[in-house]
Amino acid sequence: MNIEQLMEKLGRSGVTVILKVDDERMTEGGEPWTLVMSGPGLGEQGFIRAESSSLSDCLEQGFTRLRARSGDWEWLTEIQ
């Protein structure tokens, strides 16, 4: 699944996704990638935030947390 399909499917599922890379944190050797998910698709459990030094790890952290929530998130295993 490509990133555009993934984001569209999340959006249709009621999830707002913000993906960010921070150049300052990158040069400092920190965790420049941040993923934040919010919206009615997450229910009353609030938002999800993940940070990592790599994009793939950041996405995996966020999607692992999303799969742990109630709802139909089994399709997220397709992107592993």
C-alpha atoms as a PDB file:
ATOM      1  CA  MET A   1       0.000   0.000   0.000  1.00  0.00           C
ATOM      2  CA  ASN A   2       1.459   3.373  -0.892  1.00  0.00           C
ATOM      3  CA  ILE A   3       1.421   6.346   1.456  1.00  0.00           C
ATOM      4  CA  GLU A   4      -1.367   8.148  -0.452  1.00  0.00           C
ATOM      5  CA  GLN A   5      -3.675   5.126  -0.268  1.00  0.00           C
ATOM      6  CA  LEU A   6      -2.840   4.675   3.389  1.00  0.00           C
ATOM      7  CA  MET A   7      -3.605   8.280   4.305  1.00  0.00           C
ATOM      8  CA  GLU A   8      -6.842   8.265   2.298  1.00  0.00           C
ATOM      9  CA  LYS A   9      -7.997   5.069   4.002  1.00  0.00           C
ATOM     10  CA  LEU A  10      -7.188   6.499   7.435  1.00  0.00           C
ATOM     11  CA  GLY A  11      -9.041   9.710   6.553  1.00  0.00           C
ATOM     12  CA  ARG A  12     -12.112   7.750   5.439  1.00  0.00           C
ATOM     13  CA  SER A  13     -11.905   5.891   8.757  1.00  0.00           C
ATOM     14  CA  GLY A  14     -12.232   9.159  10.697  1.00  0.00           C
ATOM     15  CA  VAL A  15      -8.550   9.604  11.536  1.00  0.00           C
ATOM     16  CA  THR A  16      -6.662  12.854  10.997  1.00  0.00           C
ATOM     17  CA  VAL A  17      -2.954  12.208  10.441  1.00  0.00           C
ATOM     18  CA  ILE A  18      -0.052  14.617  10.768  1.00  0.00           C
ATOM     19  CA  LEU A  19       3.387  13.383   9.769  1.00  0.00           C
ATOM     20  CA  LYS A  20       6.370  15.640  10.418  1.00  0.00           C
ATOM     21  CA  VAL A  21      10.127  15.562  10.011  1.00  0.00           C
ATOM     22  CA  ASP A  22      12.071  18.139  12.013  1.00  0.00           C
ATOM     23  CA  ASP A  23      15.366  19.289  10.520  1.00  0.00           C
ATOM     24  CA  GLU A  24      16.684  20.623  13.852  1.00  0.00           C
ATOM     25  CA  ARG A  25      16.094  17.321  15.612  1.00  0.00           C
ATOM     26  CA  MET A  26      17.659  15.538  12.637  1.00  0.00           C
ATOM     27  CA  THR A  27      20.899  17.533  12.889  1.00  0.00           C
ATOM     28  CA  GLU A  28      21.000  17.038  16.669  1.00  0.00           C
ATOM     29  CA  GLY A  29      20.812  13.257  16.230  1.00  0.00           C
ATOM     30  CA  GLY A  30      17.386  13.078  17.844  1.00  0.00           C
ATOM     31  CA  GLU A  31      14.105  11.592  16.709  1.00  0.00           C
ATOM     32  CA  PRO A  32      13.084  13.803  13.793  1.00  0.00           C
ATOM     33  CA  TRP A  33       9.979  11.869  12.724  1.00  0.00           C
ATOM     34  CA  THR A  34       6.688  12.530  14.497  1.00  0.00           C
ATOM     35  CA  LEU A  35       3.309  10.961  13.731  1.00  0.00           C
ATOM     36  CA  VAL A  36       0.145  12.291  15.364  1.00  0.00           C
ATOM     37  CA  MET A  37      -3.295  10.768  14.819  1.00  0.00           C
ATOM     38  CA  SER A  38      -6.551  12.168  16.151  1.00  0.00           C
ATOM     39  CA  GLY A  39     -10.212  12.346  15.251  1.00  0.00           C
ATOM     40  CA  PRO A  40     -13.487  10.528  15.781  1.00  0.00           C
ATOM     41  CA  GLY A  41     -12.086   7.283  14.348  1.00  0.00           C
ATOM     42  CA  LEU A  42     -10.002   6.891  17.495  1.00  0.00           C
ATOM     43  CA  GLY A  43     -13.015   7.032  19.766  1.00  0.00           C
ATOM     44  CA  GLU A  44     -12.834   8.591  23.184  1.00  0.00           C
ATOM     45  CA  GLN A  45      -9.341   7.274  23.838  1.00  0.00           C
ATOM     46  CA  GLY A  46      -7.757  10.468  22.568  1.00  0.00           C
ATOM     47  CA  PHE A  47      -4.888  10.915  20.184  1.00  0.00           C
ATOM     48  CA  ILE A  48      -1.875   8.787  19.271  1.00  0.00           C
ATOM     49  CA  ARG A  49       1.642  10.190  19.061  1.00  0.00           C
ATOM     50  CA  ALA A  50       4.802   8.390  17.978  1.00  0.00           C
ATOM     51  CA  GLU A  51       8.360   9.665  17.542  1.00  0.00           C
ATOM     52  CA  SER A  52      11.370   7.923  16.065  1.00  0.00           C
ATOM     53  CA  SER A  53      14.657   8.313  14.241  1.00  0.00           C
ATOM     54  CA  SER A  54      13.261   6.580  11.132  1.00  0.00           C
ATOM     55  CA  LEU A  55      10.034   7.016   9.191  1.00  0.00           C
ATOM     56  CA  SER A  56       9.277   3.297   9.035  1.00  0.00           C
ATOM     57  CA  ASP A  57       9.722   2.850  12.792  1.00  0.00           C
ATOM     58  CA  CYS A  58       7.623   5.923  13.526  1.00  0.00           C
ATOM     59  CA  LEU A  59       4.774   4.621  11.343  1.00  0.00           C
ATOM     60  CA  GLU A  60       5.012   1.145  12.849  1.00  0.00           C
ATOM     61  CA  GLN A  61       4.861   2.553  16.400  1.00  0.00           C
ATOM     62  CA  GLY A  62       1.791   4.626  15.561  1.00  0.00           C
ATOM     63  CA  PHE A  63      -0.010   1.835  13.719  1.00  0.00           C
ATOM     64  CA  THR A  64       0.757  -0.682  16.469  1.00  0.00           C
ATOM     65  CA  ARG A  65      -0.936   1.683  18.928  1.00  0.00           C
ATOM     66  CA  LEU A  66      -3.861   2.187  16.546  1.00  0.00           C
ATOM     67  CA  ARG A  67      -4.328  -1.588  16.082  1.00  0.00           C
ATOM     68  CA  ALA A  68      -4.504  -1.903  19.888  1.00  0.00           C
ATOM     69  CA  ARG A  69      -7.533   0.428  19.935  1.00  0.00           C
ATOM     70  CA  SER A  70     -11.097  -0.713  19.512  1.00  0.00           C
ATOM     71  CA  GLY A  71     -12.356  -0.602  15.965  1.00  0.00           C
ATOM     72  CA  ASP A  72     -11.667  -2.214  12.630  1.00  0.00           C
ATOM     73  CA  TRP A  73      -7.909  -1.688  12.262  1.00  0.00           C
ATOM     74  CA  GLU A  74      -6.901  -5.184  11.109  1.00  0.00           C
ATOM     75  CA  TRP A  75      -6.321  -3.831   7.596  1.00  0.00           C
ATOM     76  CA  LEU A  76      -3.287  -1.978   8.959  1.00  0.00           C
ATOM     77  CA  THR A  77      -1.419  -5.299   8.978  1.00  0.00           C
ATOM     78  CA  GLU A  78      -1.369  -4.967   5.165  1.00  0.00           C
ATOM     79  CA  ILE A  79       1.304  -2.263   5.391  1.00  0.00           C
ATOM     80  CA  GLN A  80       3.863  -4.175   7.438  1.00  0.00           C
END
